[in-house]
Structure formats: structure tokens, C-alpha cells
Amino acid sequence: MTRVQIFRTKDGHFRSFTCQGHTGYAEEGEDIVCAGVSAIVINTVNCLQDLLHEDIDVDYDAVNGGDITVNFNADPTEKANFLMDCMVHGLEWISSQYGKKYLTYEIKEVNAC
């Protein structure tokens, strides 16, 4: 199962997120759920870096399964918050279509910086 944890403040500013594990929906190379989650998450990270130039740290572990952790070093811009909302929406859709057996996500409230 893939588990995504998203951390944001009470006022809606995202602080960080992690994505860990494989969905287990199908064999490696055939797993459409894993591919969908990966595409959404990696596209979000790429857009935060390349298009919005957000101040983020990215820790990607390609060797041990592709786990990723992203931390915002400053309050994200309005566009970055919207992009993160889009990522959450995509993950919600995948989870609702394929089930929590393969993908779970949670949003946790954290204190502001």
C-alpha cells in the first residue's frame, strides 16, 4: 500500500508531505495505481520547483522504492497551495476509485512556522 501524509497549517498553508510504499495493485511495471500516484506526486514536485520556483527541499529515495519527502522552507505561494490542493484532489480520486487497500492519504494539521 502507498501511504501519503500531508501536513498543513490551520489556515491552509502546506508545510510538507511524504509518499511511501508501493500500492501492490499489480506486478511492477503493470501497476496502474502506482503509476497514477507517482505521476501526480512527481508532477507536483516538478511544477513546484521548475514553474513556481518554490523554496522546497526534496528527499527522493530511488534505491529503496521511490519514497519521497517534500518540505516547504517558507510559506508557499497561493499558486503552490492551489497546486498542492490539486495533488490532494488527484490522490482522493485514485483512492476512491481503487480503494484504501492500495492508497491511503491523510492531512494533518501542524503549527505555523
PDB file of N, CA and C in Angstrom:
ATOM      1  N   MET A   1       0.826  -1.168   0.000  1.00  0.00           N
ATOM      2  CA  MET A   1       0.000   0.000   0.000  1.00  0.00           C
ATOM      3  C   MET A   1       0.882   1.246   0.000  1.00  0.00           C
ATOM      4  N   THR A   2       0.425   2.271  -0.716  1.00  0.00           N
ATOM      5  CA  THR A   2       1.094   3.562  -0.693  1.00  0.00           C
ATOM      6  C   THR A   2       0.402   4.433   0.347  1.00  0.00           C
ATOM      7  N   ARG A   3       1.205   5.110   1.128  1.00  0.00           N
ATOM      8  CA  ARG A   3       0.680   5.995   2.166  1.00  0.00           C
ATOM      9  C   ARG A   3       1.226   7.400   1.923  1.00  0.00           C
ATOM     10  N   VAL A   4       0.315   8.358   1.855  1.00  0.00           N
ATOM     11  CA  VAL A   4       0.694   9.761   1.683  1.00  0.00           C
ATOM     12  C   VAL A   4       0.247  10.521   2.923  1.00  0.00           C
ATOM     13  N   GLN A   5       1.166  11.251   3.511  1.00  0.00           N
ATOM     14  CA  GLN A   5       0.861  12.123   4.636  1.00  0.00           C
ATOM     15  C   GLN A   5       1.145  13.556   4.216  1.00  0.00           C
ATOM     16  N   ILE A   6       0.163  14.416   4.442  1.00  0.00           N
ATOM     17  CA  ILE A   6       0.255  15.812   4.040  1.00  0.00           C
ATOM     18  C   ILE A   6       0.100  16.656   5.300  1.00  0.00           C
ATOM     19  N   PHE A   7       0.997  17.603   5.475  1.00  0.00           N
ATOM     20  CA  PHE A   7       0.989  18.440   6.664  1.00  0.00           C
ATOM     21  C   PHE A   7       0.740  19.885   6.254  1.00  0.00           C
ATOM     22  N   ARG A   8      -0.285  20.485   6.876  1.00  0.00           N
ATOM     23  CA  ARG A   8      -0.575  21.891   6.589  1.00  0.00           C
ATOM     24  C   ARG A   8      -1.088  22.583   7.845  1.00  0.00           C
ATOM     25  N   THR A   9      -0.998  23.902   7.820  1.00  0.00           N
ATOM     26  CA  THR A   9      -1.411  24.696   8.970  1.00  0.00           C
ATOM     27  C   THR A   9      -2.926  24.854   8.992  1.00  0.00           C
ATOM     28  N   LYS A  10      -3.420  25.350  10.103  1.00  0.00           N
ATOM     29  CA  LYS A  10      -4.854  25.571  10.268  1.00  0.00           C
ATOM     30  C   LYS A  10      -5.392  26.519   9.197  1.00  0.00           C
ATOM     31  N   ASP A  11      -4.570  27.488   8.802  1.00  0.00           N
ATOM     32  CA  ASP A  11      -5.020  28.446   7.781  1.00  0.00           C
ATOM     33  C   ASP A  11      -4.787  27.956   6.354  1.00  0.00           C
ATOM     34  N   GLY A  12      -4.391  26.689   6.186  1.00  0.00           N
ATOM     35  CA  GLY A  12      -4.332  26.074   4.861  1.00  0.00           C
ATOM     36  C   GLY A  12      -2.995  26.100   4.155  1.00  0.00           C
ATOM     37  N   HIS A  13      -1.947  26.611   4.798  1.00  0.00           N
ATOM     38  CA  HIS A  13      -0.626  26.620   4.157  1.00  0.00           C
ATOM     39  C   HIS A  13       0.035  25.251   4.312  1.00  0.00           C
ATOM     40  N   PHE A  14       0.434  24.692   3.199  1.00  0.00           N
ATOM     41  CA  PHE A  14       1.102  23.392   3.227  1.00  0.00           C
ATOM     42  C   PHE A  14       2.513  23.557   3.773  1.00  0.00           C
ATOM     43  N   ARG A  15       2.956  22.568   4.545  1.00  0.00           N
ATOM     44  CA  ARG A  15       4.293  22.575   5.133  1.00  0.00           C
ATOM     45  C   ARG A  15       5.172  21.477   4.562  1.00  0.00           C
ATOM     46  N   SER A  16       4.581  20.284   4.342  1.00  0.00           N
ATOM     47  CA  SER A  16       5.362  19.162   3.826  1.00  0.00           C
ATOM     48  C   SER A  16       4.423  18.035   3.426  1.00  0.00           C
ATOM     49  N   PHE A  17       5.006  17.052   2.744  1.00  0.00           N
ATOM     50  CA  PHE A  17       4.285  15.808   2.502  1.00  0.00           C
ATOM     51  C   PHE A  17       5.265  14.677   2.266  1.00  0.00           C
ATOM     52  N   THR A  18       4.797  13.468   2.538  1.00  0.00           N
ATOM     53  CA  THR A  18       5.575  12.264   2.274  1.00  0.00           C
ATOM     54  C   THR A  18       4.719  11.298   1.467  1.00  0.00           C
ATOM     55  N   CYS A  19       5.365  10.517   0.655  1.00  0.00           N
ATOM     56  CA  CYS A  19       4.709   9.459  -0.113  1.00  0.00           C
ATOM     57  C   CYS A  19       5.610   8.228  -0.012  1.00  0.00           C
ATOM     58  N   GLN A  20       5.044   7.145   0.558  1.00  0.00           N
ATOM     59  CA  GLN A  20       5.864   5.962   0.829  1.00  0.00           C
ATOM     60  C   GLN A  20       5.142   4.689   0.409  1.00  0.00           C
ATOM     61  N   GLY A  21       5.917   3.738  -0.071  1.00  0.00           N
ATOM     62  CA  GLY A  21       5.416   2.403  -0.345  1.00  0.00           C
ATOM     63  C   GLY A  21       4.870   2.215  -1.746  1.00  0.00           C
ATOM     64  N   HIS A  22       4.641   0.953  -2.077  1.00  0.00           N
ATOM     65  CA  HIS A  22       4.065   0.576  -3.373  1.00  0.00           C
ATOM     66  C   HIS A  22       2.622   0.159  -3.163  1.00  0.00           C
ATOM     67  N   THR A  23       1.792   0.456  -4.134  1.00  0.00           N
ATOM     68  CA  THR A  23       0.359   0.169  -3.984  1.00  0.00           C
ATOM     69  C   THR A  23       0.067  -1.319  -3.912  1.00  0.00           C
ATOM     70  N   GLY A  24       0.789  -2.115  -4.675  1.00  0.00           N
ATOM     71  CA  GLY A  24       0.519  -3.547  -4.689  1.00  0.00           C
ATOM     72  C   GLY A  24      -0.703  -3.926  -5.506  1.00  0.00           C
ATOM     73  N   TYR A  25      -1.160  -3.030  -6.342  1.00  0.00           N
ATOM     74  CA  TYR A  25      -2.334  -3.288  -7.180  1.00  0.00           C
ATOM     75  C   TYR A  25      -2.034  -4.358  -8.233  1.00  0.00           C
ATOM     76  N   ALA A  26      -0.823  -4.329  -8.776  1.00  0.00           N
ATOM     77  CA  ALA A  26      -0.410  -5.292  -9.805  1.00  0.00           C
ATOM     78  C   ALA A  26       1.109  -5.444  -9.738  1.00  0.00           C
ATOM     79  N   GLU A  27       1.633  -6.320 -10.565  1.00  0.00           N
ATOM     80  CA  GLU A  27       3.085  -6.528 -10.624  1.00  0.00           C
ATOM     81  C   GLU A  27       3.780  -5.240 -11.059  1.00  0.00           C
ATOM     82  N   GLU A  28       5.035  -5.092 -10.622  1.00  0.00           N
ATOM     83  CA  GLU A  28       5.822  -3.934 -11.024  1.00  0.00           C
ATOM     84  C   GLU A  28       5.847  -3.825 -12.543  1.00  0.00           C
ATOM     85  N   GLY A  29       5.640  -2.636 -13.037  1.00  0.00           N
ATOM     86  CA  GLY A  29       5.582  -2.405 -14.481  1.00  0.00           C
ATOM     87  C   GLY A  29       4.177  -2.507 -15.035  1.00  0.00           C
ATOM     88  N   GLU A  30       3.255  -3.070 -14.266  1.00  0.00           N
ATOM     89  CA  GLU A  30       1.854  -3.210 -14.686  1.00  0.00           C
ATOM     90  C   GLU A  30       0.910  -2.481 -13.735  1.00  0.00           C
ATOM     91  N   ASP A  31       1.441  -1.879 -12.704  1.00  0.00           N
ATOM     92  CA  ASP A  31       0.632  -1.301 -11.624  1.00  0.00           C
ATOM     93  C   ASP A  31       0.159   0.103 -11.993  1.00  0.00           C
ATOM     94  N   ILE A  32      -1.072   0.188 -12.501  1.00  0.00           N
ATOM     95  CA  ILE A  32      -1.603   1.485 -12.940  1.00  0.00           C
ATOM     96  C   ILE A  32      -1.892   2.422 -11.771  1.00  0.00           C
ATOM     97  N   VAL A  33      -2.202   1.875 -10.613  1.00  0.00           N
ATOM     98  CA  VAL A  33      -2.458   2.721  -9.447  1.00  0.00           C
ATOM     99  C   VAL A  33      -1.150   3.375  -8.998  1.00  0.00           C
ATOM    100  N   CYS A  34      -0.096   2.594  -8.908  1.00  0.00           N
ATOM    101  CA  CYS A  34       1.215   3.133  -8.534  1.00  0.00           C
ATOM    102  C   CYS A  34       1.672   4.172  -9.563  1.00  0.00           C
ATOM    103  N   ALA A  35       1.465   3.883 -10.828  1.00  0.00           N
ATOM    104  CA  ALA A  35       1.857   4.824 -11.879  1.00  0.00           C
ATOM    105  C   ALA A  35       1.082   6.131 -11.757  1.00  0.00           C
ATOM    106  N   GLY A  36      -0.203   6.049 -11.459  1.00  0.00           N
ATOM    107  CA  GLY A  36      -1.024   7.247 -11.305  1.00  0.00           C
ATOM    108  C   GLY A  36      -0.577   8.087 -10.123  1.00  0.00           C
ATOM    109  N   VAL A  37      -0.353   7.440  -8.988  1.00  0.00           N
ATOM    110  CA  VAL A  37       0.105   8.155  -7.798  1.00  0.00           C
ATOM    111  C   VAL A  37       1.460   8.795  -8.067  1.00  0.00           C
ATOM    112  N   SER A  38       2.357   8.037  -8.657  1.00  0.00           N
ATOM    113  CA  SER A  38       3.696   8.560  -8.957  1.00  0.00           C
ATOM    114  C   SER A  38       3.622   9.762  -9.890  1.00  0.00           C
ATOM    115  N   ALA A  39       2.798   9.675 -10.916  1.00  0.00           N
ATOM    116  CA  ALA A  39       2.677  10.778 -11.873  1.00  0.00           C
ATOM    117  C   ALA A  39       2.159  12.040 -11.197  1.00  0.00           C
ATOM    118  N   ILE A  40       1.148  11.894 -10.359  1.00  0.00           N
ATOM    119  CA  ILE A  40       0.594  13.059  -9.664  1.00  0.00           C
ATOM    120  C   ILE A  40       1.624  13.676  -8.729  1.00  0.00           C
ATOM    121  N   VAL A  41       2.280  12.855  -7.926  1.00  0.00           N
ATOM    122  CA  VAL A  41       3.222  13.359  -6.932  1.00  0.00           C
ATOM    123  C   VAL A  41       4.455  13.970  -7.600  1.00  0.00           C
ATOM    124  N   ILE A  42       5.053  13.260  -8.543  1.00  0.00           N
ATOM    125  CA  ILE A  42       6.268  13.769  -9.198  1.00  0.00           C
ATOM    126  C   ILE A  42       5.965  15.022 -10.017  1.00  0.00           C
ATOM    127  N   ASN A  43       4.820  15.057 -10.686  1.00  0.00           N
ATOM    128  CA  ASN A  43       4.448  16.257 -11.435  1.00  0.00           C
ATOM    129  C   ASN A  43       4.281  17.452 -10.488  1.00  0.00           C
ATOM    130  N   THR A  44       3.692  17.217  -9.340  1.00  0.00           N
ATOM    131  CA  THR A  44       3.537  18.299  -8.362  1.00  0.00           C
ATOM    132  C   THR A  44       4.897  18.828  -7.929  1.00  0.00           C
ATOM    133  N   VAL A  45       5.804  17.931  -7.599  1.00  0.00           N
ATOM    134  CA  VAL A  45       7.147  18.347  -7.181  1.00  0.00           C
ATOM    135  C   VAL A  45       7.839  19.113  -8.306  1.00  0.00           C
ATOM    136  N   ASN A  46       7.783  18.589  -9.525  1.00  0.00           N
ATOM    137  CA  ASN A  46       8.426  19.256 -10.653  1.00  0.00           C
ATOM    138  C   ASN A  46       7.856  20.651 -10.896  1.00  0.00           C
ATOM    139  N   CYS A  47       6.545  20.789 -10.803  1.00  0.00           N
ATOM    140  CA  CYS A  47       5.916  22.099 -11.002  1.00  0.00           C
ATOM    141  C   CYS A  47       6.276  23.065  -9.880  1.00  0.00           C
ATOM    142  N   LEU A  48       6.306  22.576  -8.637  1.00  0.00           N
ATOM    143  CA  LEU A  48       6.715  23.436  -7.523  1.00  0.00           C
ATOM    144  C   LEU A  48       8.123  23.972  -7.738  1.00  0.00           C
ATOM    145  N   GLN A  49       9.013  23.123  -8.234  1.00  0.00           N
ATOM    146  CA  GLN A  49      10.411  23.526  -8.445  1.00  0.00           C
ATOM    147  C   GLN A  49      10.592  24.332  -9.732  1.00  0.00           C
ATOM    148  N   ASP A  50      10.147  23.779 -10.841  1.00  0.00           N
ATOM    149  CA  ASP A  50      10.501  24.324 -12.148  1.00  0.00           C
ATOM    150  C   ASP A  50       9.628  25.492 -12.607  1.00  0.00           C
ATOM    151  N   LEU A  51       8.357  25.464 -12.254  1.00  0.00           N
ATOM    152  CA  LEU A  51       7.452  26.514 -12.714  1.00  0.00           C
ATOM    153  C   LEU A  51       7.235  27.610 -11.671  1.00  0.00           C
ATOM    154  N   LEU A  52       7.114  27.202 -10.412  1.00  0.00           N
ATOM    155  CA  LEU A  52       6.822  28.178  -9.361  1.00  0.00           C
ATOM    156  C   LEU A  52       8.052  28.611  -8.572  1.00  0.00           C
ATOM    157  N   HIS A  53       9.144  27.871  -8.713  1.00  0.00           N
ATOM    158  CA  HIS A  53      10.403  28.184  -8.022  1.00  0.00           C
ATOM    159  C   HIS A  53      10.199  28.319  -6.509  1.00  0.00           C
ATOM    160  N   GLU A  54       9.415  27.386  -5.963  1.00  0.00           N
ATOM    161  CA  GLU A  54       9.172  27.370  -4.515  1.00  0.00           C
ATOM    162  C   GLU A  54      10.445  26.956  -3.778  1.00  0.00           C
ATOM    163  N   ASP A  55      10.584  27.456  -2.574  1.00  0.00           N
ATOM    164  CA  ASP A  55      11.724  27.115  -1.724  1.00  0.00           C
ATOM    165  C   ASP A  55      11.375  25.809  -0.994  1.00  0.00           C
ATOM    166  N   ILE A  56      11.728  24.679  -1.623  1.00  0.00           N
ATOM    167  CA  ILE A  56      11.426  23.373  -1.047  1.00  0.00           C
ATOM    168  C   ILE A  56      12.683  22.508  -1.009  1.00  0.00           C
ATOM    169  N   ASP A  57      12.687  21.579  -0.072  1.00  0.00           N
ATOM    170  CA  ASP A  57      13.695  20.527  -0.032  1.00  0.00           C
ATOM    171  C   ASP A  57      13.002  19.233  -0.422  1.00  0.00           C
ATOM    172  N   VAL A  58      13.642  18.466  -1.283  1.00  0.00           N
ATOM    173  CA  VAL A  58      13.086  17.202  -1.756  1.00  0.00           C
ATOM    174  C   VAL A  58      14.069  16.088  -1.434  1.00  0.00           C
ATOM    175  N   ASP A  59      13.572  15.066  -0.761  1.00  0.00           N
ATOM    176  CA  ASP A  59      14.371  13.880  -0.463  1.00  0.00           C
ATOM    177  C   ASP A  59      13.700  12.713  -1.172  1.00  0.00           C
ATOM    178  N   TYR A  60      14.366  12.193  -2.207  1.00  0.00           N
ATOM    179  CA  TYR A  60      13.816  11.108  -3.018  1.00  0.00           C
ATOM    180  C   TYR A  60      14.724   9.897  -2.903  1.00  0.00           C
ATOM    181  N   ASP A  61      14.164   8.779  -2.503  1.00  0.00           N
ATOM    182  CA  ASP A  61      14.932   7.553  -2.305  1.00  0.00           C
ATOM    183  C   ASP A  61      14.617   6.569  -3.433  1.00  0.00           C
ATOM    184  N   ALA A  62      15.299   6.726  -4.554  1.00  0.00           N
ATOM    185  CA  ALA A  62      15.053   5.873  -5.716  1.00  0.00           C
ATOM    186  C   ALA A  62      15.499   4.436  -5.484  1.00  0.00           C
ATOM    187  N   VAL A  63      16.476   4.245  -4.618  1.00  0.00           N
ATOM    188  CA  VAL A  63      17.024   2.913  -4.377  1.00  0.00           C
ATOM    189  C   VAL A  63      16.056   2.037  -3.594  1.00  0.00           C
ATOM    190  N   ASN A  64      15.402   2.603  -2.601  1.00  0.00           N
ATOM    191  CA  ASN A  64      14.544   1.815  -1.717  1.00  0.00           C
ATOM    192  C   ASN A  64      13.055   2.029  -1.978  1.00  0.00           C
ATOM    193  N   GLY A  65      12.670   2.092  -3.225  1.00  0.00           N
ATOM    194  CA  GLY A  65      11.256   2.096  -3.540  1.00  0.00           C
ATOM    195  C   GLY A  65      10.651   3.405  -3.974  1.00  0.00           C
ATOM    196  N   GLY A  66      11.416   4.464  -4.055  1.00  0.00           N
ATOM    197  CA  GLY A  66      10.875   5.706  -4.567  1.00  0.00           C
ATOM    198  C   GLY A  66      10.163   6.574  -3.546  1.00  0.00           C
ATOM    199  N   ASP A  67      10.396   6.335  -2.260  1.00  0.00           N
ATOM    200  CA  ASP A  67       9.788   7.190  -1.238  1.00  0.00           C
ATOM    201  C   ASP A  67      10.255   8.624  -1.442  1.00  0.00           C
ATOM    202  N   ILE A  68       9.346   9.558  -1.167  1.00  0.00           N
ATOM    203  CA  ILE A  68       9.673  10.969  -1.363  1.00  0.00           C
ATOM    204  C   ILE A  68       9.144  11.784  -0.191  1.00  0.00           C
ATOM    205  N   THR A  69       9.945  12.759   0.221  1.00  0.00           N
ATOM    206  CA  THR A  69       9.557  13.717   1.250  1.00  0.00           C
ATOM    207  C   THR A  69       9.824  15.110   0.707  1.00  0.00           C
ATOM    208  N   VAL A  70       8.849  15.989   0.840  1.00  0.00           N
ATOM    209  CA  VAL A  70       8.982  17.369   0.382  1.00  0.00           C
ATOM    210  C   VAL A  70       8.670  18.290   1.548  1.00  0.00           C
ATOM    211  N   ASN A  71       9.566  19.243   1.788  1.00  0.00           N
ATOM    212  CA  ASN A  71       9.384  20.231   2.855  1.00  0.00           C
ATOM    213  C   ASN A  71       9.424  21.632   2.258  1.00  0.00           C
ATOM    214  N   PHE A  72       8.439  22.449   2.616  1.00  0.00           N
ATOM    215  CA  PHE A  72       8.446  23.859   2.238  1.00  0.00           C
ATOM    216  C   PHE A  72       9.294  24.608   3.254  1.00  0.00           C
ATOM    217  N   ASN A  73      10.253  25.394   2.771  1.00  0.00           N
ATOM    218  CA  ASN A  73      11.125  26.162   3.655  1.00  0.00           C
ATOM    219  C   ASN A  73      10.554  27.535   3.982  1.00  0.00           C
ATOM    220  N   ALA A  74       9.508  27.914   3.291  1.00  0.00           N
ATOM    221  CA  ALA A  74       8.829  29.193   3.508  1.00  0.00           C
ATOM    222  C   ALA A  74       7.351  28.974   3.208  1.00  0.00           C
ATOM    223  N   ASP A  75       6.529  29.955   3.592  1.00  0.00           N
ATOM    224  CA  ASP A  75       5.117  29.840   3.249  1.00  0.00           C
ATOM    225  C   ASP A  75       4.971  29.691   1.740  1.00  0.00           C
ATOM    226  N   PRO A  76       4.238  28.675   1.300  1.00  0.00           N
ATOM    227  CA  PRO A  76       4.039  28.517  -0.136  1.00  0.00           C
ATOM    228  C   PRO A  76       3.182  29.648  -0.696  1.00  0.00           C
ATOM    229  N   THR A  77       3.415  29.958  -1.946  1.00  0.00           N
ATOM    230  CA  THR A  77       2.613  30.970  -2.619  1.00  0.00           C
ATOM    231  C   THR A  77       1.189  30.456  -2.815  1.00  0.00           C
ATOM    232  N   GLU A  78       0.316  31.359  -3.196  1.00  0.00           N
ATOM    233  CA  GLU A  78      -1.081  30.971  -3.467  1.00  0.00           C
ATOM    234  C   GLU A  78      -1.136  29.914  -4.575  1.00  0.00           C
ATOM    235  N   LYS A  79      -0.316  30.071  -5.607  1.00  0.00           N
ATOM    236  CA  LYS A  79      -0.283  29.094  -6.696  1.00  0.00           C
ATOM    237  C   LYS A  79       0.215  27.740  -6.207  1.00  0.00           C
ATOM    238  N   ALA A  80       1.193  27.748  -5.318  1.00  0.00           N
ATOM    239  CA  ALA A  80       1.716  26.486  -4.777  1.00  0.00           C
ATOM    240  C   ALA A  80       0.660  25.791  -3.927  1.00  0.00           C
ATOM    241  N   ASN A  81      -0.065  26.559  -3.123  1.00  0.00           N
ATOM    242  CA  ASN A  81      -1.148  25.965  -2.340  1.00  0.00           C
ATOM    243  C   ASN A  81      -2.209  25.359  -3.250  1.00  0.00           C
ATOM    244  N   PHE A  82      -2.535  26.059  -4.336  1.00  0.00           N
ATOM    245  CA  PHE A  82      -3.508  25.531  -5.297  1.00  0.00           C
ATOM    246  C   PHE A  82      -2.991  24.241  -5.937  1.00  0.00           C
ATOM    247  N   LEU A  83      -1.726  24.231  -6.316  1.00  0.00           N
ATOM    248  CA  LEU A  83      -1.131  23.040  -6.904  1.00  0.00           C
ATOM    249  C   LEU A  83      -1.178  21.872  -5.931  1.00  0.00           C
ATOM    250  N   MET A  84      -0.902  22.124  -4.673  1.00  0.00           N
ATOM    251  CA  MET A  84      -0.986  21.076  -3.652  1.00  0.00           C
ATOM    252  C   MET A  84      -2.426  20.593  -3.480  1.00  0.00           C
ATOM    253  N   ASP A  85      -3.390  21.519  -3.525  1.00  0.00           N
ATOM    254  CA  ASP A  85      -4.803  21.117  -3.474  1.00  0.00           C
ATOM    255  C   ASP A  85      -5.139  20.203  -4.649  1.00  0.00           C
ATOM    256  N   CYS A  86      -4.575  20.492  -5.802  1.00  0.00           N
ATOM    257  CA  CYS A  86      -4.790  19.640  -6.987  1.00  0.00           C
ATOM    258  C   CYS A  86      -4.197  18.250  -6.770  1.00  0.00           C
ATOM    259  N   MET A  87      -3.019  18.180  -6.157  1.00  0.00           N
ATOM    260  CA  MET A  87      -2.422  16.880  -5.856  1.00  0.00           C
ATOM    261  C   MET A  87      -3.331  16.088  -4.922  1.00  0.00           C
ATOM    262  N   VAL A  88      -3.814  16.740  -3.865  1.00  0.00           N
ATOM    263  CA  VAL A  88      -4.715  16.072  -2.925  1.00  0.00           C
ATOM    264  C   VAL A  88      -5.967  15.585  -3.639  1.00  0.00           C
ATOM    265  N   HIS A  89      -6.526  16.410  -4.495  1.00  0.00           N
ATOM    266  CA  HIS A  89      -7.724  16.022  -5.244  1.00  0.00           C
ATOM    267  C   HIS A  89      -7.461  14.776  -6.097  1.00  0.00           C
ATOM    268  N   GLY A  90      -6.331  14.738  -6.768  1.00  0.00           N
ATOM    269  CA  GLY A  90      -5.975  13.573  -7.585  1.00  0.00           C
ATOM    270  C   GLY A  90      -5.809  12.314  -6.750  1.00  0.00           C
ATOM    271  N   LEU A  91      -5.166  12.449  -5.602  1.00  0.00           N
ATOM    272  CA  LEU A  91      -4.996  11.298  -4.711  1.00  0.00           C
ATOM    273  C   LEU A  91      -6.335  10.828  -4.152  1.00  0.00           C
ATOM    274  N   GLU A  92      -7.203  11.778  -3.808  1.00  0.00           N
ATOM    275  CA  GLU A  92      -8.551  11.424  -3.331  1.00  0.00           C
ATOM    276  C   GLU A  92      -9.288  10.607  -4.390  1.00  0.00           C
ATOM    277  N   TRP A  93      -9.185  11.040  -5.629  1.00  0.00           N
ATOM    278  CA  TRP A  93      -9.884  10.362  -6.717  1.00  0.00           C
ATOM    279  C   TRP A  93      -9.350   8.937  -6.892  1.00  0.00           C
ATOM    280  N   ILE A  94      -8.045   8.776  -6.912  1.00  0.00           N
ATOM    281  CA  ILE A  94      -7.461   7.440  -7.061  1.00  0.00           C
ATOM    282  C   ILE A  94      -7.887   6.541  -5.904  1.00  0.00           C
ATOM    283  N   SER A  95      -7.819   7.062  -4.693  1.00  0.00           N
ATOM    284  CA  SER A  95      -8.209   6.275  -3.527  1.00  0.00           C
ATOM    285  C   SER A  95      -9.681   5.878  -3.591  1.00  0.00           C
ATOM    286  N   SER A  96     -10.539   6.772  -4.041  1.00  0.00           N
ATOM    287  CA  SER A  96     -11.970   6.462  -4.118  1.00  0.00           C
ATOM    288  C   SER A  96     -12.268   5.452  -5.225  1.00  0.00           C
ATOM    289  N   GLN A  97     -11.497   5.466  -6.289  1.00  0.00           N
ATOM    290  CA  GLN A  97     -11.737   4.562  -7.416  1.00  0.00           C
ATOM    291  C   GLN A  97     -11.156   3.167  -7.201  1.00  0.00           C
ATOM    292  N   TYR A  98     -10.002   3.084  -6.551  1.00  0.00           N
ATOM    293  CA  TYR A  98      -9.299   1.809  -6.419  1.00  0.00           C
ATOM    294  C   TYR A  98      -9.285   1.262  -4.999  1.00  0.00           C
ATOM    295  N   GLY A  99      -9.571   2.100  -4.026  1.00  0.00           N
ATOM    296  CA  GLY A  99      -9.700   1.633  -2.654  1.00  0.00           C
ATOM    297  C   GLY A  99      -8.516   1.938  -1.764  1.00  0.00           C
ATOM    298  N   LYS A 100      -8.824   2.017  -0.485  1.00  0.00           N
ATOM    299  CA  LYS A 100      -7.815   2.313   0.527  1.00  0.00           C
ATOM    300  C   LYS A 100      -6.857   1.143   0.751  1.00  0.00           C
ATOM    301  N   LYS A 101      -7.177   0.025   0.157  1.00  0.00           N
ATOM    302  CA  LYS A 101      -6.274  -1.126   0.225  1.00  0.00           C
ATOM    303  C   LYS A 101      -4.956  -0.823  -0.502  1.00  0.00           C
ATOM    304  N   TYR A 102      -5.032   0.074  -1.485  1.00  0.00           N
ATOM    305  CA  TYR A 102      -3.864   0.387  -2.302  1.00  0.00           C
ATOM    306  C   TYR A 102      -3.266   1.761  -2.026  1.00  0.00           C
ATOM    307  N   LEU A 103      -4.120   2.717  -1.620  1.00  0.00           N
ATOM    308  CA  LEU A 103      -3.651   4.088  -1.388  1.00  0.00           C
ATOM    309  C   LEU A 103      -4.424   4.703  -0.230  1.00  0.00           C
ATOM    310  N   THR A 104      -3.696   5.163   0.760  1.00  0.00           N
ATOM    311  CA  THR A 104      -4.297   5.955   1.824  1.00  0.00           C
ATOM    312  C   THR A 104      -3.568   7.287   1.892  1.00  0.00           C
ATOM    313  N   TYR A 105      -4.302   8.288   2.271  1.00  0.00           N
ATOM    314  CA  TYR A 105      -3.695   9.596   2.467  1.00  0.00           C
ATOM    315  C   TYR A 105      -4.353  10.223   3.677  1.00  0.00           C
ATOM    316  N   GLU A 106      -3.614  11.069   4.329  1.00  0.00           N
ATOM    317  CA  GLU A 106      -4.170  11.809   5.455  1.00  0.00           C
ATOM    318  C   GLU A 106      -3.562  13.196   5.469  1.00  0.00           C
ATOM    319  N   ILE A 107      -4.374  14.134   5.923  1.00  0.00           N
ATOM    320  CA  ILE A 107      -3.931  15.510   6.069  1.00  0.00           C
ATOM    321  C   ILE A 107      -3.884  15.816   7.548  1.00  0.00           C
ATOM    322  N   LYS A 108      -2.712  16.222   8.019  1.00  0.00           N
ATOM    323  CA  LYS A 108      -2.515  16.508   9.435  1.00  0.00           C
ATOM    324  C   LYS A 108      -2.284  18.009   9.613  1.00  0.00           C
ATOM    325  N   GLU A 109      -2.880  18.544  10.643  1.00  0.00           N
ATOM    326  CA  GLU A 109      -2.698  19.946  10.956  1.00  0.00           C
ATOM    327  C   GLU A 109      -1.435  20.130  11.803  1.00  0.00           C
ATOM    328  N   VAL A 110      -0.630  21.109  11.419  1.00  0.00           N
ATOM    329  CA  VAL A 110       0.598  21.425  12.138  1.00  0.00           C
ATOM    330  C   VAL A 110       0.614  22.914  12.466  1.00  0.00           C
ATOM    331  N   ASN A 111       1.507  23.313  13.341  1.00  0.00           N
ATOM    332  CA  ASN A 111       1.643  24.718  13.706  1.00  0.00           C
ATOM    333  C   ASN A 111       2.308  25.506  12.584  1.00  0.00           C
ATOM    334  N   ALA A 112       2.001  26.769  12.514  1.00  0.00           N
ATOM    335  CA  ALA A 112       2.636  27.651  11.550  1.00  0.00           C
ATOM    336  C   ALA A 112       4.098  27.849  11.921  1.00  0.00           C
ATOM    337  N   CYS A 113       4.925  28.197  10.928  1.00  0.00           N
ATOM    338  CA  CYS A 113       6.362  28.435  11.186  1.00  0.00           C
ATOM    339  C   CYS A 113       6.574  29.657  12.042  1.00  0.00           C
TER     340      CYS A 113
END
